[in-house]
N, C-alpha and C. Protein backbone atom coordinates (compact mmCIF):
# COMPACT_ATOMS: atom_id res chain seq x y z
N UNK A 1 71.22 120.92 2.25
CA UNK A 1 71.94 119.73 2.64
C UNK A 1 71.78 118.65 1.58
N UNK A 2 72.87 118.02 1.24
CA UNK A 2 72.88 116.99 0.21
C UNK A 2 72.69 115.62 0.86
N UNK A 3 71.63 114.92 0.47
CA UNK A 3 71.33 113.61 1.04
C UNK A 3 71.75 112.46 0.12
N UNK A 4 72.63 112.74 -0.82
CA UNK A 4 73.07 111.70 -1.74
C UNK A 4 74.00 110.72 -1.02
N UNK A 5 73.85 109.48 -1.39
CA UNK A 5 74.72 108.44 -0.85
C UNK A 5 75.86 108.16 -1.83
N UNK A 6 76.84 107.40 -1.39
CA UNK A 6 77.94 107.02 -2.26
C UNK A 6 77.41 106.29 -3.49
N UNK A 7 76.41 105.45 -3.28
CA UNK A 7 75.81 104.70 -4.38
C UNK A 7 75.20 105.66 -5.41
N UNK A 8 74.60 106.74 -4.97
CA UNK A 8 74.04 107.74 -5.88
C UNK A 8 75.14 108.36 -6.75
N UNK A 9 76.27 108.68 -6.14
CA UNK A 9 77.38 109.28 -6.89
C UNK A 9 77.96 108.29 -7.89
N UNK A 10 78.07 107.03 -7.51
CA UNK A 10 78.58 105.99 -8.43
C UNK A 10 77.64 105.86 -9.63
N UNK A 11 76.34 105.83 -9.38
CA UNK A 11 75.38 105.72 -10.48
C UNK A 11 75.45 106.91 -11.43
N UNK A 12 75.67 108.10 -10.90
CA UNK A 12 75.83 109.27 -11.74
C UNK A 12 77.09 109.15 -12.60
N UNK A 13 78.16 108.63 -12.02
CA UNK A 13 79.39 108.44 -12.78
C UNK A 13 79.22 107.40 -13.89
N UNK A 14 78.41 106.37 -13.64
CA UNK A 14 78.16 105.37 -14.68
C UNK A 14 77.55 106.01 -15.91
N UNK A 15 76.66 106.96 -15.69
CA UNK A 15 76.03 107.64 -16.82
C UNK A 15 77.05 108.44 -17.63
N UNK A 16 78.11 108.90 -17.00
CA UNK A 16 79.17 109.60 -17.73
C UNK A 16 79.96 108.60 -18.57
N UNK A 17 80.40 107.50 -17.97
CA UNK A 17 81.21 106.53 -18.70
C UNK A 17 80.45 105.87 -19.84
N UNK A 18 79.17 105.58 -19.62
CA UNK A 18 78.38 104.91 -20.65
C UNK A 18 77.72 105.89 -21.62
N UNK A 19 78.03 107.16 -21.51
CA UNK A 19 77.51 108.18 -22.40
C UNK A 19 78.04 107.92 -23.82
N UNK A 20 77.17 108.07 -24.82
CA UNK A 20 77.57 107.84 -26.22
C UNK A 20 78.63 108.83 -26.68
N UNK A 21 78.74 109.98 -26.03
CA UNK A 21 79.76 110.96 -26.39
C UNK A 21 81.08 110.68 -25.67
N UNK A 22 81.10 109.72 -24.78
CA UNK A 22 82.32 109.38 -24.05
C UNK A 22 82.81 108.00 -24.49
N UNK A 23 82.57 106.98 -23.68
CA UNK A 23 83.08 105.64 -23.97
C UNK A 23 82.02 104.68 -24.51
N UNK A 24 80.75 104.98 -24.28
CA UNK A 24 79.68 104.08 -24.64
C UNK A 24 79.41 104.03 -26.13
N UNK A 25 78.95 102.86 -26.58
CA UNK A 25 78.53 102.66 -27.96
C UNK A 25 77.28 101.79 -27.94
N UNK A 26 76.39 102.00 -28.90
CA UNK A 26 75.20 101.16 -28.98
C UNK A 26 75.55 99.84 -29.64
N UNK A 27 75.14 98.76 -28.99
CA UNK A 27 75.33 97.40 -29.51
C UNK A 27 74.06 96.62 -29.23
N UNK A 28 73.87 95.57 -30.00
CA UNK A 28 72.75 94.68 -29.74
C UNK A 28 73.26 93.50 -28.92
N UNK A 29 72.74 93.37 -27.71
CA UNK A 29 73.13 92.28 -26.80
C UNK A 29 71.89 91.45 -26.52
N UNK A 30 71.93 90.21 -26.99
CA UNK A 30 70.80 89.28 -26.84
C UNK A 30 69.48 89.91 -27.30
N UNK A 31 69.52 90.56 -28.46
CA UNK A 31 68.32 91.10 -29.07
C UNK A 31 67.87 92.46 -28.56
N UNK A 32 68.61 93.04 -27.63
CA UNK A 32 68.24 94.34 -27.08
C UNK A 32 69.35 95.35 -27.35
N UNK A 33 69.01 96.52 -27.86
CA UNK A 33 70.00 97.56 -28.12
C UNK A 33 70.31 98.26 -26.80
N UNK A 34 71.59 98.19 -26.40
CA UNK A 34 72.04 98.76 -25.13
C UNK A 34 73.29 99.59 -25.36
N UNK A 35 73.57 100.49 -24.45
CA UNK A 35 74.82 101.24 -24.48
C UNK A 35 75.84 100.42 -23.70
N UNK A 36 76.89 100.00 -24.40
CA UNK A 36 77.93 99.14 -23.83
C UNK A 36 79.29 99.76 -24.07
N UNK A 37 80.27 99.24 -23.35
CA UNK A 37 81.67 99.49 -23.66
C UNK A 37 82.25 98.14 -24.00
N UNK A 38 82.77 98.00 -25.23
CA UNK A 38 83.29 96.72 -25.70
C UNK A 38 84.76 96.89 -26.05
N UNK A 39 85.60 96.03 -25.47
CA UNK A 39 87.02 96.02 -25.79
C UNK A 39 87.27 94.72 -26.55
N UNK A 40 87.77 94.84 -27.76
CA UNK A 40 87.98 93.70 -28.64
C UNK A 40 89.45 93.34 -28.67
N UNK A 41 89.78 92.06 -28.48
CA UNK A 41 91.18 91.64 -28.46
C UNK A 41 91.85 91.88 -29.80
N UNK A 42 91.08 91.91 -30.89
CA UNK A 42 91.67 92.17 -32.21
C UNK A 42 92.13 93.61 -32.35
N UNK A 43 91.49 94.50 -31.63
CA UNK A 43 91.79 95.92 -31.77
C UNK A 43 92.66 96.47 -30.65
N UNK A 44 93.03 95.64 -29.70
CA UNK A 44 93.79 96.11 -28.54
C UNK A 44 95.01 95.22 -28.34
N UNK A 45 96.17 95.69 -28.74
CA UNK A 45 97.40 94.90 -28.63
C UNK A 45 97.78 94.61 -27.18
N UNK A 46 97.27 95.39 -26.25
CA UNK A 46 97.60 95.18 -24.84
C UNK A 46 96.56 94.32 -24.12
N UNK A 47 95.64 93.72 -24.86
CA UNK A 47 94.52 92.98 -24.28
C UNK A 47 95.00 91.85 -23.37
N UNK A 48 95.96 91.05 -23.82
CA UNK A 48 96.40 89.90 -23.04
C UNK A 48 97.72 90.12 -22.33
N UNK A 49 98.51 91.07 -22.79
CA UNK A 49 99.83 91.28 -22.21
C UNK A 49 100.90 90.44 -22.89
N UNK A 50 100.51 89.63 -23.87
CA UNK A 50 101.47 88.80 -24.61
C UNK A 50 101.51 89.26 -26.06
N UNK A 51 102.69 89.15 -26.69
CA UNK A 51 102.76 89.50 -28.11
C UNK A 51 101.85 88.58 -28.92
N UNK A 52 101.21 89.13 -29.94
CA UNK A 52 100.31 88.36 -30.79
C UNK A 52 100.98 87.13 -31.39
N UNK A 53 102.20 87.29 -31.84
CA UNK A 53 102.90 86.18 -32.47
C UNK A 53 103.04 85.00 -31.50
N UNK A 54 103.29 85.30 -30.25
CA UNK A 54 103.42 84.25 -29.24
C UNK A 54 102.08 83.55 -29.03
N UNK A 55 101.00 84.31 -29.01
CA UNK A 55 99.68 83.70 -28.85
C UNK A 55 99.33 82.83 -30.04
N UNK A 56 99.59 83.32 -31.25
CA UNK A 56 99.27 82.54 -32.45
C UNK A 56 100.08 81.25 -32.49
N UNK A 57 101.36 81.32 -32.14
CA UNK A 57 102.24 80.15 -32.20
C UNK A 57 101.88 79.11 -31.14
N UNK A 58 101.31 79.56 -30.03
CA UNK A 58 101.04 78.63 -28.93
C UNK A 58 99.67 77.98 -28.99
N UNK A 59 98.83 78.41 -29.93
CA UNK A 59 97.48 77.87 -29.99
C UNK A 59 97.14 77.47 -31.42
N UNK A 60 96.58 76.25 -31.56
CA UNK A 60 96.13 75.84 -32.88
C UNK A 60 94.92 76.66 -33.30
N UNK A 61 94.07 76.97 -32.35
CA UNK A 61 92.89 77.77 -32.61
C UNK A 61 93.05 79.07 -31.83
N UNK A 62 92.95 80.17 -32.52
CA UNK A 62 93.07 81.47 -31.87
C UNK A 62 91.75 81.81 -31.19
N UNK A 63 91.82 82.17 -29.95
CA UNK A 63 90.64 82.54 -29.18
C UNK A 63 90.45 84.04 -29.28
N UNK A 64 89.42 84.44 -29.96
CA UNK A 64 89.08 85.85 -30.12
C UNK A 64 88.24 86.25 -28.90
N UNK A 65 88.70 87.23 -28.14
CA UNK A 65 88.01 87.59 -26.91
C UNK A 65 87.53 89.04 -26.94
N UNK A 66 86.46 89.27 -26.19
CA UNK A 66 85.93 90.61 -26.01
C UNK A 66 85.60 90.77 -24.53
N UNK A 67 85.83 91.97 -24.04
CA UNK A 67 85.35 92.33 -22.71
C UNK A 67 84.18 93.28 -22.93
N UNK A 68 83.07 92.93 -22.34
CA UNK A 68 81.85 93.72 -22.48
C UNK A 68 81.51 94.31 -21.12
N UNK A 69 81.36 95.62 -21.08
CA UNK A 69 80.93 96.30 -19.86
C UNK A 69 79.51 96.82 -20.10
N UNK A 70 78.62 96.52 -19.17
CA UNK A 70 77.23 96.95 -19.28
C UNK A 70 76.75 97.34 -17.88
N UNK A 71 75.87 98.33 -17.83
CA UNK A 71 75.32 98.74 -16.54
C UNK A 71 74.46 97.61 -15.99
N UNK A 72 74.62 97.32 -14.70
CA UNK A 72 73.85 96.26 -14.05
C UNK A 72 72.35 96.53 -14.12
N UNK A 73 71.98 97.78 -14.18
CA UNK A 73 70.56 98.13 -14.27
C UNK A 73 69.96 97.75 -15.63
N UNK A 74 70.83 97.54 -16.63
CA UNK A 74 70.36 97.25 -17.99
C UNK A 74 70.42 95.77 -18.37
N UNK A 75 71.14 94.96 -17.62
CA UNK A 75 71.38 93.57 -18.02
C UNK A 75 71.52 92.71 -16.77
N UNK A 76 71.88 91.47 -16.94
CA UNK A 76 72.06 90.53 -15.83
C UNK A 76 73.43 89.89 -15.95
N UNK A 77 73.90 89.26 -14.90
CA UNK A 77 75.19 88.57 -14.94
C UNK A 77 74.95 87.19 -15.57
N UNK A 78 75.47 86.98 -16.77
CA UNK A 78 75.25 85.67 -17.41
C UNK A 78 76.08 84.58 -16.76
N UNK A 79 75.62 83.35 -16.89
CA UNK A 79 76.36 82.22 -16.32
C UNK A 79 77.57 81.90 -17.18
N UNK A 80 78.66 81.50 -16.53
CA UNK A 80 79.85 81.06 -17.24
C UNK A 80 79.47 79.85 -18.08
N UNK A 81 80.02 79.77 -19.28
CA UNK A 81 79.77 78.73 -20.28
C UNK A 81 78.44 78.89 -21.02
N UNK A 82 77.70 79.96 -20.73
CA UNK A 82 76.48 80.22 -21.50
C UNK A 82 76.88 80.95 -22.78
N UNK A 83 75.93 81.08 -23.68
CA UNK A 83 76.18 81.77 -24.95
C UNK A 83 75.39 83.07 -24.94
N UNK A 84 76.08 84.15 -25.32
CA UNK A 84 75.41 85.44 -25.50
C UNK A 84 75.58 85.84 -26.96
N UNK A 85 74.73 86.73 -27.43
CA UNK A 85 74.80 87.18 -28.81
C UNK A 85 75.07 88.68 -28.81
N UNK A 86 76.23 89.05 -29.35
CA UNK A 86 76.62 90.46 -29.43
C UNK A 86 76.70 90.85 -30.90
N UNK A 87 75.82 91.73 -31.32
CA UNK A 87 75.79 92.22 -32.70
C UNK A 87 75.77 91.08 -33.71
N UNK A 88 75.00 90.04 -33.42
CA UNK A 88 74.86 88.91 -34.35
C UNK A 88 75.94 87.85 -34.23
N UNK A 89 76.89 88.02 -33.32
CA UNK A 89 77.97 87.05 -33.13
C UNK A 89 77.74 86.29 -31.83
N UNK A 90 77.75 84.96 -31.92
CA UNK A 90 77.61 84.15 -30.72
C UNK A 90 78.95 84.08 -29.99
N UNK A 91 78.92 84.37 -28.70
CA UNK A 91 80.12 84.35 -27.88
C UNK A 91 79.87 83.49 -26.65
N UNK A 92 80.91 82.79 -26.21
CA UNK A 92 80.85 81.97 -25.00
C UNK A 92 81.32 82.80 -23.82
N UNK A 93 80.58 82.76 -22.75
CA UNK A 93 80.92 83.52 -21.56
C UNK A 93 82.01 82.77 -20.79
N UNK A 94 83.19 83.37 -20.70
CA UNK A 94 84.31 82.79 -19.95
C UNK A 94 84.31 83.26 -18.50
N UNK A 95 83.95 84.51 -18.27
CA UNK A 95 83.88 85.09 -16.93
C UNK A 95 82.77 86.13 -16.93
N UNK A 96 82.13 86.32 -15.79
CA UNK A 96 81.12 87.38 -15.66
C UNK A 96 80.98 87.73 -14.19
N UNK A 97 80.96 89.04 -13.92
CA UNK A 97 80.82 89.50 -12.54
C UNK A 97 80.23 90.90 -12.53
N UNK A 98 79.60 91.25 -11.42
CA UNK A 98 79.06 92.58 -11.23
C UNK A 98 79.82 93.24 -10.09
N UNK A 99 80.20 94.50 -10.30
CA UNK A 99 80.92 95.25 -9.28
C UNK A 99 80.53 96.72 -9.41
N UNK A 100 80.00 97.28 -8.36
CA UNK A 100 79.65 98.70 -8.28
C UNK A 100 78.78 99.16 -9.45
N UNK A 101 77.80 98.35 -9.81
CA UNK A 101 76.85 98.75 -10.84
C UNK A 101 77.25 98.45 -12.26
N UNK A 102 78.41 97.81 -12.44
CA UNK A 102 78.88 97.46 -13.78
C UNK A 102 79.06 95.95 -13.87
N UNK A 103 78.52 95.37 -14.94
CA UNK A 103 78.75 93.95 -15.21
C UNK A 103 79.89 93.88 -16.22
N UNK A 104 80.89 93.06 -15.90
CA UNK A 104 82.04 92.83 -16.79
C UNK A 104 81.92 91.39 -17.29
N UNK A 105 81.85 91.24 -18.61
CA UNK A 105 81.73 89.92 -19.22
C UNK A 105 82.94 89.70 -20.12
N UNK A 106 83.68 88.63 -19.86
CA UNK A 106 84.76 88.21 -20.76
C UNK A 106 84.17 87.09 -21.59
N UNK A 107 84.08 87.32 -22.90
CA UNK A 107 83.44 86.36 -23.80
C UNK A 107 84.40 86.07 -24.95
N UNK A 108 84.24 84.87 -25.54
CA UNK A 108 85.16 84.48 -26.61
C UNK A 108 84.45 83.70 -27.70
N UNK A 109 85.08 83.73 -28.86
CA UNK A 109 84.71 82.87 -29.97
C UNK A 109 86.02 82.25 -30.46
N UNK A 110 85.92 81.18 -31.20
CA UNK A 110 87.12 80.52 -31.68
C UNK A 110 87.23 80.68 -33.19
N UNK A 111 88.42 81.02 -33.62
CA UNK A 111 88.69 81.16 -35.05
C UNK A 111 89.83 80.23 -35.41
N UNK A 112 89.74 79.63 -36.56
CA UNK A 112 90.84 78.74 -36.97
C UNK A 112 91.75 79.43 -37.94
C-alpha cells in the first residue's frame, strides 16, 4: 500500500523540473549556489506579450526583468522592493510568491 500524499508527489515532481538535465541551472542567489530556473526578458520575446519596439518606445529606461523559480525548501520568499543578488547582478524584487513548493520571483534592473 502506498502511503504517499499529494504533497509527496508534488515534491518528487519538483526534483524533476529542477534537475540540471531538465530545466534547472546552477546560479548564485544571494551568495549561495542553488539550482534555479531563470527566464530572462532579453532572451524571451514572449516574456511581456508586447513587441520589443513598443516597449522601448514607451519607456525612457528599459526595465530588464527576470523570473526566478526556486524550490521553497532552498530559499525564502523575499519582500517586494528588496534587493537580491543573482550571479553578481543586483535586482529589485517586483513580485514574490510561493505556490506548491515553488517560489516565483519577478525581479528587475534598469538599463538606460
